[in-house]
C-alpha atoms as a PDB file:
ATOM      1  CA  MET A   1     -19.805 -19.926   9.269  1.00  0.00           C
ATOM      2  CA  ASN A   2     -19.090 -22.769  11.630  1.00  0.00           C
ATOM      3  CA  VAL A   3     -15.930 -21.937  13.539  1.00  0.00           C
ATOM      4  CA  ARG A   4     -14.832 -24.146  16.373  1.00  0.00           C
ATOM      5  CA  ALA A   5     -14.428 -22.754  19.861  1.00  0.00           C
ATOM      6  CA  CYS A   6     -11.134 -22.070  21.606  1.00  0.00           C
ATOM      7  CA  HIS A   7      -8.781 -25.038  21.504  1.00  0.00           C
ATOM      8  CA  PRO A   8      -5.348 -25.439  23.104  1.00  0.00           C
ATOM      9  CA  GLY A   9      -3.811 -27.056  20.021  1.00  0.00           C
ATOM     10  CA  GLY A  10      -1.293 -25.631  17.553  1.00  0.00           C
ATOM     11  CA  ARG A  11      -1.805 -22.576  15.374  1.00  0.00           C
ATOM     12  CA  VAL A  12      -1.250 -21.652  11.773  1.00  0.00           C
ATOM     13  CA  ASP A  13      -1.243 -18.400   9.827  1.00  0.00           C
ATOM     14  CA  LEU A  14      -3.873 -17.782   7.166  1.00  0.00           C
ATOM     15  CA  VAL A  15      -2.484 -15.137   4.805  1.00  0.00           C
ATOM     16  CA  PHE A  16      -4.932 -13.550   2.362  1.00  0.00           C
ATOM     17  CA  PRO A  17      -3.793 -11.244  -0.450  1.00  0.00           C
ATOM     18  CA  ALA A  18      -5.596  -7.921   0.097  1.00  0.00           C
ATOM     19  CA  VAL A  19      -6.427  -5.389  -2.613  1.00  0.00           C
ATOM     20  CA  LEU A  20      -8.160  -2.082  -1.936  1.00  0.00           C
ATOM     21  CA  VAL A  21     -10.866  -1.844  -4.599  1.00  0.00           C
ATOM     22  CA  GLU A  22     -12.807   1.166  -3.325  1.00  0.00           C
ATOM     23  CA  GLY A  23     -12.377   4.042  -0.894  1.00  0.00           C
ATOM     24  CA  ASP A  24      -9.502   4.661   1.483  1.00  0.00           C
ATOM     25  CA  LEU A  25      -8.424   2.847   4.615  1.00  0.00           C
ATOM     26  CA  PRO A  26      -7.952   4.922   7.779  1.00  0.00           C
ATOM     27  CA  ALA A  27      -4.434   5.391   9.112  1.00  0.00           C
ATOM     28  CA  ASP A  28      -5.057   2.610  11.623  1.00  0.00           C
ATOM     29  CA  SER A  29      -7.791   0.121  10.817  1.00  0.00           C
ATOM     30  CA  ARG A  30      -7.221  -2.427  13.621  1.00  0.00           C
ATOM     31  CA  HIS A  31     -10.564  -2.047  15.346  1.00  0.00           C
ATOM     32  CA  ALA A  32     -12.489  -1.707  12.083  1.00  0.00           C
ATOM     33  CA  THR A  33     -10.850  -4.847  10.637  1.00  0.00           C
ATOM     34  CA  TYR A  34     -11.850  -6.780  13.745  1.00  0.00           C
ATOM     35  CA  GLY A  35     -15.435  -5.592  13.333  1.00  0.00           C
ATOM     36  CA  ALA A  36     -15.506  -6.423   9.622  1.00  0.00           C
ATOM     37  CA  LEU A  37     -14.253  -9.959  10.252  1.00  0.00           C
ATOM     38  CA  GLY A  38     -16.881 -10.456  12.933  1.00  0.00           C
ATOM     39  CA  ARG A  39     -19.582  -9.458  10.455  1.00  0.00           C
ATOM     40  CA  VAL A  40     -18.442 -11.685   7.579  1.00  0.00           C
ATOM     41  CA  THR A  41     -17.728 -14.752   9.735  1.00  0.00           C
ATOM     42  CA  GLY A  42     -20.758 -14.395  11.975  1.00  0.00           C
ATOM     43  CA  ALA A  43     -18.494 -15.355  14.870  1.00  0.00           C
ATOM     44  CA  ASP A  44     -18.325 -13.655  18.258  1.00  0.00           C
ATOM     45  CA  LEU A  45     -14.686 -12.548  18.360  1.00  0.00           C
ATOM     46  CA  HIS A  46     -14.963 -10.632  21.624  1.00  0.00           C
ATOM     47  CA  ASP A  47     -12.636 -12.124  24.255  1.00  0.00           C
ATOM     48  CA  SER A  48     -12.045 -15.178  22.065  1.00  0.00           C
ATOM     49  CA  ASP A  49      -8.479 -16.420  21.748  1.00  0.00           C
ATOM     50  CA  TRP A  50      -8.819 -18.769  18.776  1.00  0.00           C
ATOM     51  CA  MET A  51      -8.093 -15.960  16.297  1.00  0.00           C
ATOM     52  CA  ALA A  52      -5.499 -13.179  16.343  1.00  0.00           C
ATOM     53  CA  ILE A  53      -5.611 -10.503  13.644  1.00  0.00           C
ATOM     54  CA  PHE A  54      -2.470  -8.841  12.308  1.00  0.00           C
ATOM     55  CA  PRO A  55      -2.819  -5.247  11.093  1.00  0.00           C
ATOM     56  CA  LEU A  56      -4.340  -5.154   7.612  1.00  0.00           C
ATOM     57  CA  ILE A  57      -2.124  -3.940   4.791  1.00  0.00           C
ATOM     58  CA  ALA A  58      -3.985  -3.359   1.513  1.00  0.00           C
ATOM     59  CA  THR A  59      -2.690  -1.976  -1.775  1.00  0.00           C
ATOM     60  CA  ARG A  60      -4.498  -0.922  -4.938  1.00  0.00           C
ATOM     61  CA  ARG A  61      -2.303  -3.137  -7.123  1.00  0.00           C
ATOM     62  CA  ALA A  62      -3.615  -6.627  -7.804  1.00  0.00           C
ATOM     63  CA  GLY A  63      -0.173  -7.597  -9.057  1.00  0.00           C
ATOM     64  CA  ARG A  64       1.402  -6.654  -5.742  1.00  0.00           C
ATOM     65  CA  PRO A  65      -1.293  -7.006  -3.109  1.00  0.00           C
ATOM     66  CA  GLY A  66      -1.020  -6.362   0.582  1.00  0.00           C
ATOM     67  CA  GLU A  67      -2.100  -8.961   3.092  1.00  0.00           C
ATOM     68  CA  LEU A  68      -4.489  -9.863   5.861  1.00  0.00           C
ATOM     69  CA  ARG A  69      -2.828 -12.353   8.218  1.00  0.00           C
ATOM     70  CA  LEU A  70      -4.898 -14.298  10.726  1.00  0.00           C
ATOM     71  CA  ARG A  71      -3.264 -16.515  13.349  1.00  0.00           C
ATOM     72  CA  VAL A  72      -5.800 -19.192  14.204  1.00  0.00           C
ATOM     73  CA  ILE A  73      -6.089 -22.593  15.822  1.00  0.00           C
ATOM     74  CA  ALA A  74      -5.330 -25.174  13.157  1.00  0.00           C
ATOM     75  CA  GLU A  75      -8.831 -26.648  13.368  1.00  0.00           C
ATOM     76  CA  ALA A  76     -10.383 -23.329  12.278  1.00  0.00           C
ATOM     77  CA  ALA A  77      -8.243 -22.791   9.171  1.00  0.00           C
ATOM     78  CA  SER A  78     -10.435 -24.764   6.775  1.00  0.00           C
ATOM     79  CA  SER A  79     -13.582 -22.923   7.938  1.00  0.00           C
ATOM     80  CA  LEU A  80     -11.985 -19.533   7.274  1.00  0.00           C
ATOM     81  CA  ARG A  81     -10.583 -20.251   3.809  1.00  0.00           C
ATOM     82  CA  CYS A  82     -13.936 -19.292   2.301  1.00  0.00           C
ATOM     83  CA  LEU A  83     -13.142 -15.648   3.117  1.00  0.00           C
ATOM     84  CA  GLY A  84     -10.937 -15.757   0.007  1.00  0.00           C
ATOM     85  CA  GLY A  85     -12.683 -14.026  -2.883  1.00  0.00           C
ATOM     86  CA  GLY A  86     -14.850 -12.013  -0.518  1.00  0.00           C
ATOM     87  CA  ILE A  87     -14.999  -8.325   0.405  1.00  0.00           C
ATOM     88  CA  LEU A  88     -14.243  -6.693   3.741  1.00  0.00           C
ATOM     89  CA  GLU A  89     -16.075  -3.399   4.238  1.00  0.00           C
ATOM     90  CA  ILE A  90     -14.056  -1.110   6.517  1.00  0.00           C
ATOM     91  CA  TYR A  91     -15.723   2.276   6.924  1.00  0.00           C
ATOM     92  CA  THR A  92     -15.962   3.559   3.315  1.00  0.00           C
ATOM     93  CA  ALA A  93     -13.260   1.200   2.011  1.00  0.00           C
ATOM     94  CA  ARG A  94     -13.790  -2.151   0.314  1.00  0.00           C
ATOM     95  CA  VAL A  95     -10.960  -4.669   0.424  1.00  0.00           C
ATOM     96  CA  ARG A  96     -11.020  -7.792  -1.724  1.00  0.00           C
ATOM     97  CA  LEU A  97      -9.350 -10.856  -0.245  1.00  0.00           C
ATOM     98  CA  GLY A  98      -7.644 -13.427  -2.454  1.00  0.00           C
ATOM     99  CA  GLU A  99      -7.231 -17.132  -1.875  1.00  0.00           C
ATOM    100  CA  PRO A 100      -5.242 -17.663   1.327  1.00  0.00           C
ATOM    101  CA  ALA A 101      -2.007 -19.477   1.968  1.00  0.00           C
ATOM    102  CA  ILE A 102      -1.917 -21.613   5.112  1.00  0.00           C
ATOM    103  CA  LEU A 103       1.501 -21.233   6.693  1.00  0.00           C
ATOM    104  CA  PRO A 104       2.954 -23.140   9.635  1.00  0.00           C
ATOM    105  CA  ILE A 105       4.476 -21.235  12.513  1.00  0.00           C
ATOM    106  CA  LEU A 106       8.222 -21.763  12.239  1.00  0.00           C
ATOM    107  CA  PRO A 107      10.963 -21.271  14.827  1.00  0.00           C
ATOM    108  CA  ALA A 108      13.280 -18.279  14.603  1.00  0.00           C
ATOM    109  CA  ARG A 109      16.157 -16.941  16.686  1.00  0.00           C
ATOM    110  CA  SER A 110      14.697 -13.417  16.639  1.00  0.00           C
ATOM    111  CA  LEU A 111      11.053 -12.383  16.665  1.00  0.00           C
ATOM    112  CA  ALA A 112       9.557  -8.917  16.341  1.00  0.00           C
ATOM    113  CA  SER A 113       6.217  -7.324  17.148  1.00  0.00           C
ATOM    114  CA  GLU A 114       5.359  -3.834  15.960  1.00  0.00           C
ATOM    115  CA  PHE A 115       3.022  -3.242  18.908  1.00  0.00           C
ATOM    116  CA  VAL A 116       2.845  -4.888  22.350  1.00  0.00           C
ATOM    117  CA  THR A 117       0.471  -3.500  24.948  1.00  0.00           C
ATOM    118  CA  ILE A 118       1.163  -4.613  28.466  1.00  0.00           C
ATOM    119  CA  HIS A 119       1.055  -3.192  31.986  1.00  0.00           C
ATOM    120  CA  TRP A 120       2.622   0.250  32.055  1.00  0.00           C
ATOM    121  CA  ARG A 121       3.248   3.001  34.558  1.00  0.00           C
ATOM    122  CA  ALA A 122       2.598   6.637  33.656  1.00  0.00           C
ATOM    123  CA  ARG A 123       4.833   9.268  35.224  1.00  0.00           C
ATOM    124  CA  PRO A 124       2.973  11.711  37.499  1.00  0.00           C
ATOM    125  CA  ASP A 125       3.946  14.702  35.361  1.00  0.00           C
ATOM    126  CA  SER A 126       3.313  13.050  31.992  1.00  0.00           C
ATOM    127  CA  SER A 127       1.350  14.800  29.273  1.00  0.00           C
ATOM    128  CA  PRO A 128      -1.722  12.985  27.874  1.00  0.00           C
ATOM    129  CA  LEU A 129      -0.086  13.143  24.439  1.00  0.00           C
ATOM    130  CA  ASP A 130       3.397  12.010  25.523  1.00  0.00           C
ATOM    131  CA  LEU A 131       3.421   8.260  24.797  1.00  0.00           C
ATOM    132  CA  GLU A 132       7.019   7.848  25.956  1.00  0.00           C
ATOM    133  CA  ASP A 133       5.921   8.969  29.422  1.00  0.00           C
ATOM    134  CA  HIS A 134       2.776   6.855  29.440  1.00  0.00           C
ATOM    135  CA  VAL A 135       4.563   3.606  28.539  1.00  0.00           C
ATOM    136  CA  ASP A 136       7.394   3.580  31.083  1.00  0.00           C
ATOM    137  CA  GLU A 137      10.225   1.660  29.441  1.00  0.00           C
ATOM    138  CA  GLY A 138      11.541  -0.010  32.574  1.00  0.00           C
ATOM    139  CA  ALA A 139       8.108  -1.151  33.764  1.00  0.00           C
ATOM    140  CA  PHE A 140       7.296  -2.384  30.276  1.00  0.00           C
ATOM    141  CA  ALA A 141      10.522  -4.417  30.054  1.00  0.00           C
ATOM    142  CA  ALA A 142       9.939  -5.942  33.496  1.00  0.00           C
ATOM    143  CA  ALA A 143       6.389  -6.972  32.553  1.00  0.00           C
ATOM    144  CA  VAL A 144       7.633  -8.532  29.306  1.00  0.00           C
ATOM    145  CA  MET A 145      10.257 -10.555  31.150  1.00  0.00           C
ATOM    146  CA  ALA A 146       7.624 -11.757  33.647  1.00  0.00           C
ATOM    147  CA  GLN A 147       5.408 -12.997  30.821  1.00  0.00           C
ATOM    148  CA  LEU A 148       8.350 -14.716  29.136  1.00  0.00           C
ATOM    149  CA  ARG A 149       9.181 -16.503  32.389  1.00  0.00           C
ATOM    150  CA  ALA A 150       5.571 -17.660  32.661  1.00  0.00           C
ATOM    151  CA  LEU A 151       5.920 -19.160  29.173  1.00  0.00           C
ATOM    152  CA  GLN A 152       9.274 -20.708  30.191  1.00  0.00           C
ATOM    153  CA  VAL A 153      11.004 -18.720  27.459  1.00  0.00           C
ATOM    154  CA  ARG A 154      14.483 -17.226  27.712  1.00  0.00           C
ATOM    155  CA  ALA A 155      15.258 -14.238  25.483  1.00  0.00           C
ATOM    156  CA  ARG A 156      17.202 -11.023  25.217  1.00  0.00           C
ATOM    157  CA  ILE A 157      14.803  -8.160  24.574  1.00  0.00           C
ATOM    158  CA  GLU A 158      14.982  -4.886  22.670  1.00  0.00           C
ATOM    159  CA  VAL A 159      12.338  -2.322  23.569  1.00  0.00           C
ATOM    160  CA  GLY A 160      11.225  -0.074  20.751  1.00  0.00           C
ATOM    161  CA  PRO A 161       9.487   3.297  20.606  1.00  0.00           C
ATOM    162  CA  ALA A 162       6.179   4.009  22.288  1.00  0.00           C
ATOM    163  CA  ARG A 163       3.108   4.252  20.110  1.00  0.00           C
ATOM    164  CA  GLY A 164      -0.665   4.236  20.367  1.00  0.00           C
ATOM    165  CA  PHE A 165      -3.899   3.733  18.486  1.00  0.00           C
ATOM    166  CA  SER A 166      -7.524   4.517  19.234  1.00  0.00           C
ATOM    167  CA  ILE A 167     -10.477   2.242  19.909  1.00  0.00           C
ATOM    168  CA  ASP A 168     -13.660   4.286  20.047  1.00  0.00           C
ATOM    169  CA  HIS A 169     -12.635   7.103  22.424  1.00  0.00           C
ATOM    170  CA  ASP A 170      -9.831   5.247  24.190  1.00  0.00           C
ATOM    171  CA  ILE A 171      -6.122   5.270  23.357  1.00  0.00           C
ATOM    172  CA  VAL A 172      -4.290   1.938  23.566  1.00  0.00           C
ATOM    173  CA  VAL A 173      -0.589   2.471  24.239  1.00  0.00           C
ATOM    174  CA  GLY A 174       2.326   0.099  23.851  1.00  0.00           C
ATOM    175  CA  ARG A 175       5.792  -0.382  22.385  1.00  0.00           C
ATOM    176  CA  ALA A 176       7.549  -2.205  19.590  1.00  0.00           C
ATOM    177  CA  LEU A 177       9.469  -5.236  20.834  1.00  0.00           C
ATOM    178  CA  VAL A 178      12.142  -7.577  19.491  1.00  0.00           C
ATOM    179  CA  LEU A 179      13.132 -10.861  21.142  1.00  0.00           C
ATOM    180  CA  HIS A 180      16.577 -12.338  20.468  1.00  0.00           C
ATOM    181  CA  ASP A 181      18.444 -15.583  21.220  1.00  0.00           C
ATOM    182  CA  LEU A 182      15.325 -17.734  21.321  1.00  0.00           C
ATOM    183  CA  ASP A 183      15.510 -21.505  21.174  1.00  0.00           C
ATOM    184  CA  PRO A 184      13.168 -23.235  18.681  1.00  0.00           C
ATOM    185  CA  ALA A 185      10.572 -24.359  21.242  1.00  0.00           C
ATOM    186  CA  GLY A 186      10.506 -20.962  22.948  1.00  0.00           C
ATOM    187  CA  SER A 187      10.040 -19.093  19.690  1.00  0.00           C
ATOM    188  CA  ILE A 188       7.052 -21.271  18.793  1.00  0.00           C
ATOM    189  CA  ARG A 189       5.483 -20.711  22.222  1.00  0.00           C
ATOM    190  CA  VAL A 190       5.813 -16.929  21.911  1.00  0.00           C
ATOM    191  CA  GLN A 191       4.279 -16.889  18.438  1.00  0.00           C
ATOM    192  CA  GLU A 192       1.369 -19.096  19.485  1.00  0.00           C
ATOM    193  CA  ALA A 193       0.658 -17.396  22.823  1.00  0.00           C
ATOM    194  CA  GLY A 194       1.644 -13.795  22.032  1.00  0.00           C
ATOM    195  CA  LEU A 195       2.545 -11.272  24.720  1.00  0.00           C
ATOM    196  CA  GLY A 196       0.311  -8.760  26.453  1.00  0.00           C
ATOM    197  CA  GLY A 197      -3.281  -8.443  25.321  1.00  0.00           C
ATOM    198  CA  ARG A 198      -5.586  -7.313  22.504  1.00  0.00           C
ATOM    199  CA  ALA A 199      -4.392  -9.886  19.961  1.00  0.00           C
ATOM    200  CA  ARG A 200      -7.651  -9.403  18.061  1.00  0.00           C
ATOM    201  CA  PHE A 201      -6.409  -5.861  17.342  1.00  0.00           C
ATOM    202  CA  GLY A 202      -2.964  -6.990  16.186  1.00  0.00           C
ATOM    203  CA  CYS A 203      -1.167  -6.454  19.491  1.00  0.00           C
ATOM    204  CA  GLY A 204       1.506  -8.753  20.909  1.00  0.00           C
ATOM    205  CA  LEU A 205       1.801 -10.802  17.714  1.00  0.00           C
ATOM    206  CA  PHE A 206       5.245 -11.882  16.584  1.00  0.00           C
ATOM    207  CA  LEU A 207       6.870 -12.817  13.308  1.00  0.00           C
ATOM    208  CA  PRO A 208      10.456 -13.688  12.468  1.00  0.00           C
ATOM    209  CA  ARG A 209      12.221 -10.353  12.370  1.00  0.00           C
ATOM    210  CA  HIS A 210      13.107 -10.500   8.676  1.00  0.00           C
ATOM    211  CA  ASP A 211       9.387 -10.938   7.834  1.00  0.00           C
ATOM    212  CA  LEU A 212       8.214  -7.945   9.872  1.00  0.00           C
ATOM    213  CA  ALA A 213      10.941  -5.504   8.842  1.00  0.00           C
ATOM    214  CA  ARG A 214       9.910  -5.104   5.187  1.00  0.00           C
ATOM    215  CA  PRO A 215       9.055  -1.381   4.880  1.00  0.00           C
ATOM    216  CA  ALA A 216       6.734  -1.860   1.893  1.00  0.00           C
ATOM    217  CA  ARG A 217       4.652  -4.444   3.742  1.00  0.00           C
ATOM    218  CA  HIS A 218       4.860  -3.122   7.291  1.00  0.00           C
ATOM    219  CA  PRO A 219       5.278   0.657   7.009  1.00  0.00           C
ATOM    220  CA  HIS A 220       4.589   1.352  10.699  1.00  0.00           C
ATOM    221  CA  PHE A 221       7.385  -0.847  12.073  1.00  0.00           C
ATOM    222  CA  GLN A 222      10.458   0.960  13.376  1.00  0.00           C
ATOM    223  CA  PRO A 223      13.697  -0.728  14.482  1.00  0.00           C
ATOM    224  CA  ALA A 224      13.768  -1.371  18.223  1.00  0.00           C
ATOM    225  CA  ARG A 225      16.439  -0.262  20.609  1.00  0.00           C
ATOM    226  CA  THR A 226      18.054  -1.852  23.630  1.00  0.00           C
ATOM    227  CA  PRO A 227      16.755  -0.443  26.941  1.00  0.00           C
END
């Protein structure tokens, strides 16, 4: 598959219906989805910023499928449409992708991300299993505001609960985050640039809050709280 290299232009969302046709998906399939997409596209996705991968949601019902959402540079969208009709193999699971919709990134007053990983400070007495201690809320909020300033974006933030997922033997930790009172240009910049890192694993990716807060489609999202 011929996919163009990183480009500074605008981005779009490719949204594929996703139906689980065999096996079971793990509780968190971020890393495995990234690997599966690398195999079927033949593209080197490591450290590339032309594609961001939202967490895969797959159902067994063709009449009410889940979705695989990819945020890509606009120039790559046509090359990736051929994934529709194909199969992603994720561990023992097989997920069939339908024909994608290509959606523009639209402005919104409030944006939400279910997982942002950014610089954090662990407390000296924190337990290895205590995510709230390992993702210091104040340090997290300060780092978010610094990144927003770098993007020239003004927003009121809500910091959500700490959470984590595993990649190989490492635990990636972060928090849910909601941004409020965005102007149209700022909301587009946040959605295109993201916040923090690991966008290829679904981190730091934002959608209008009403899109992300559908429990049936995004079961891991929890309402955020003001720090």
